[in-house]
Amino acid sequence: MKRRINFKMIQIRTKLVQIMADKRGEGFVDTAIKILMAVVIGALLLAGLYKLFADTVLPTLTQRVTEMFNYSG
């Protein structure tokens, strides 16, 4: 039993040493740049949709609703 516990402890220690020696991974700067890009692209998309709705969709919708309620029959 003691031999089995020692073997498991050696396995865990070896795995931890491998993880700590690993040089891969993302840095904070990479993640910050990705987040900044996502925010900028999202803002551009929202601005484009707002422009589309303000210039094209809302005036047409307002006109149709006004015509619908001004029905003289």
C-alpha atoms as a PDB file:
ATOM      1  CA  MET A   1       0.000   0.000   0.000  1.00  0.00           C
ATOM      2  CA  LYS A   2       2.797   2.376   0.906  1.00  0.00           C
ATOM      3  CA  ARG A   3       4.572   1.547  -2.348  1.00  0.00           C
ATOM      4  CA  ARG A   4       1.405   2.374  -4.316  1.00  0.00           C
ATOM      5  CA  ILE A   5       1.023   5.745  -2.560  1.00  0.00           C
ATOM      6  CA  ASN A   6       4.674   6.593  -3.217  1.00  0.00           C
ATOM      7  CA  PHE A   7       4.259   5.658  -6.879  1.00  0.00           C
ATOM      8  CA  LYS A   8       1.183   7.918  -7.203  1.00  0.00           C
ATOM      9  CA  MET A   9       3.011  10.780  -5.499  1.00  0.00           C
ATOM     10  CA  ILE A  10       5.909  10.410  -7.942  1.00  0.00           C
ATOM     11  CA  GLN A  11       3.452  10.420 -10.860  1.00  0.00           C
ATOM     12  CA  ILE A  12       1.750  13.569  -9.585  1.00  0.00           C
ATOM     13  CA  ARG A  13       5.094  15.293  -8.979  1.00  0.00           C
ATOM     14  CA  THR A  14       6.299  14.392 -12.471  1.00  0.00           C
ATOM     15  CA  LYS A  15       3.101  15.724 -14.015  1.00  0.00           C
ATOM     16  CA  LEU A  16       3.372  18.995 -12.048  1.00  0.00           C
ATOM     17  CA  VAL A  17       6.990  19.466 -13.109  1.00  0.00           C
ATOM     18  CA  GLN A  18       5.979  18.953 -16.743  1.00  0.00           C
ATOM     19  CA  ILE A  19       3.152  21.480 -16.433  1.00  0.00           C
ATOM     20  CA  MET A  20       5.370  24.068 -14.764  1.00  0.00           C
ATOM     21  CA  ALA A  21       8.135  23.617 -17.354  1.00  0.00           C
ATOM     22  CA  ASP A  22       5.707  24.088 -20.245  1.00  0.00           C
ATOM     23  CA  LYS A  23       6.453  27.337 -22.083  1.00  0.00           C
ATOM     24  CA  ARG A  24       3.277  27.412 -24.167  1.00  0.00           C
ATOM     25  CA  GLY A  25       0.241  29.514 -23.450  1.00  0.00           C
ATOM     26  CA  GLU A  26      -1.404  32.814 -24.116  1.00  0.00           C
ATOM     27  CA  GLY A  27      -0.124  35.998 -22.645  1.00  0.00           C
ATOM     28  CA  PHE A  28      -2.202  38.772 -21.182  1.00  0.00           C
ATOM     29  CA  VAL A  29      -1.429  41.060 -24.120  1.00  0.00           C
ATOM     30  CA  ASP A  30      -2.771  38.541 -26.645  1.00  0.00           C
ATOM     31  CA  THR A  31      -6.007  38.183 -24.725  1.00  0.00           C
ATOM     32  CA  ALA A  32      -6.385  41.949 -24.301  1.00  0.00           C
ATOM     33  CA  ILE A  33      -5.904  42.509 -28.040  1.00  0.00           C
ATOM     34  CA  LYS A  34      -8.529  39.866 -28.862  1.00  0.00           C
ATOM     35  CA  ILE A  35     -11.028  41.459 -26.483  1.00  0.00           C
ATOM     36  CA  LEU A  36     -10.328  44.932 -27.877  1.00  0.00           C
ATOM     37  CA  MET A  37     -10.813  43.693 -31.447  1.00  0.00           C
ATOM     38  CA  ALA A  38     -14.121  42.061 -30.510  1.00  0.00           C
ATOM     39  CA  VAL A  39     -15.365  45.271 -28.862  1.00  0.00           C
ATOM     40  CA  VAL A  40     -14.385  47.438 -31.850  1.00  0.00           C
ATOM     41  CA  ILE A  41     -15.955  45.075 -34.395  1.00  0.00           C
ATOM     42  CA  GLY A  42     -19.116  44.845 -32.276  1.00  0.00           C
ATOM     43  CA  ALA A  43     -19.343  48.632 -32.035  1.00  0.00           C
ATOM     44  CA  LEU A  44     -18.958  48.971 -35.801  1.00  0.00           C
ATOM     45  CA  LEU A  45     -21.698  46.400 -36.403  1.00  0.00           C
ATOM     46  CA  LEU A  46     -24.040  48.135 -33.971  1.00  0.00           C
ATOM     47  CA  ALA A  47     -23.354  51.523 -35.570  1.00  0.00           C
ATOM     48  CA  GLY A  48     -24.072  50.074 -39.015  1.00  0.00           C
ATOM     49  CA  LEU A  49     -27.329  48.507 -37.853  1.00  0.00           C
ATOM     50  CA  TYR A  50     -28.390  51.748 -36.169  1.00  0.00           C
ATOM     51  CA  LYS A  51     -27.665  53.684 -39.364  1.00  0.00           C
ATOM     52  CA  LEU A  52     -29.625  51.141 -41.424  1.00  0.00           C
ATOM     53  CA  PHE A  53     -32.635  51.233 -39.113  1.00  0.00           C
ATOM     54  CA  ALA A  54     -32.608  55.018 -38.729  1.00  0.00           C
ATOM     55  CA  ASP A  55     -32.398  55.757 -42.461  1.00  0.00           C
ATOM     56  CA  THR A  56     -34.271  52.894 -44.104  1.00  0.00           C
ATOM     57  CA  VAL A  57     -36.458  50.822 -41.829  1.00  0.00           C
ATOM     58  CA  LEU A  58     -37.916  53.311 -39.335  1.00  0.00           C
ATOM     59  CA  PRO A  59     -39.180  55.920 -41.840  1.00  0.00           C
ATOM     60  CA  THR A  60     -40.869  53.208 -43.902  1.00  0.00           C
ATOM     61  CA  LEU A  61     -42.347  51.623 -40.790  1.00  0.00           C
ATOM     62  CA  THR A  62     -43.592  54.980 -39.506  1.00  0.00           C
ATOM     63  CA  GLN A  63     -45.185  55.742 -42.859  1.00  0.00           C
ATOM     64  CA  ARG A  64     -46.968  52.376 -42.990  1.00  0.00           C
ATOM     65  CA  VAL A  65     -48.303  52.687 -39.445  1.00  0.00           C
ATOM     66  CA  THR A  66     -49.553  56.223 -40.163  1.00  0.00           C
ATOM     67  CA  GLU A  67     -51.271  55.065 -43.353  1.00  0.00           C
ATOM     68  CA  MET A  68     -52.831  52.137 -41.516  1.00  0.00           C
ATOM     69  CA  PHE A  69     -54.405  54.347 -38.835  1.00  0.00           C
ATOM     70  CA  ASN A  70     -55.427  57.119 -41.264  1.00  0.00           C
ATOM     71  CA  TYR A  71     -57.654  54.753 -43.191  1.00  0.00           C
ATOM     72  CA  SER A  72     -60.690  56.734 -44.325  1.00  0.00           C
ATOM     73  CA  GLY A  73     -62.675  53.688 -45.427  1.00  0.00           C
END
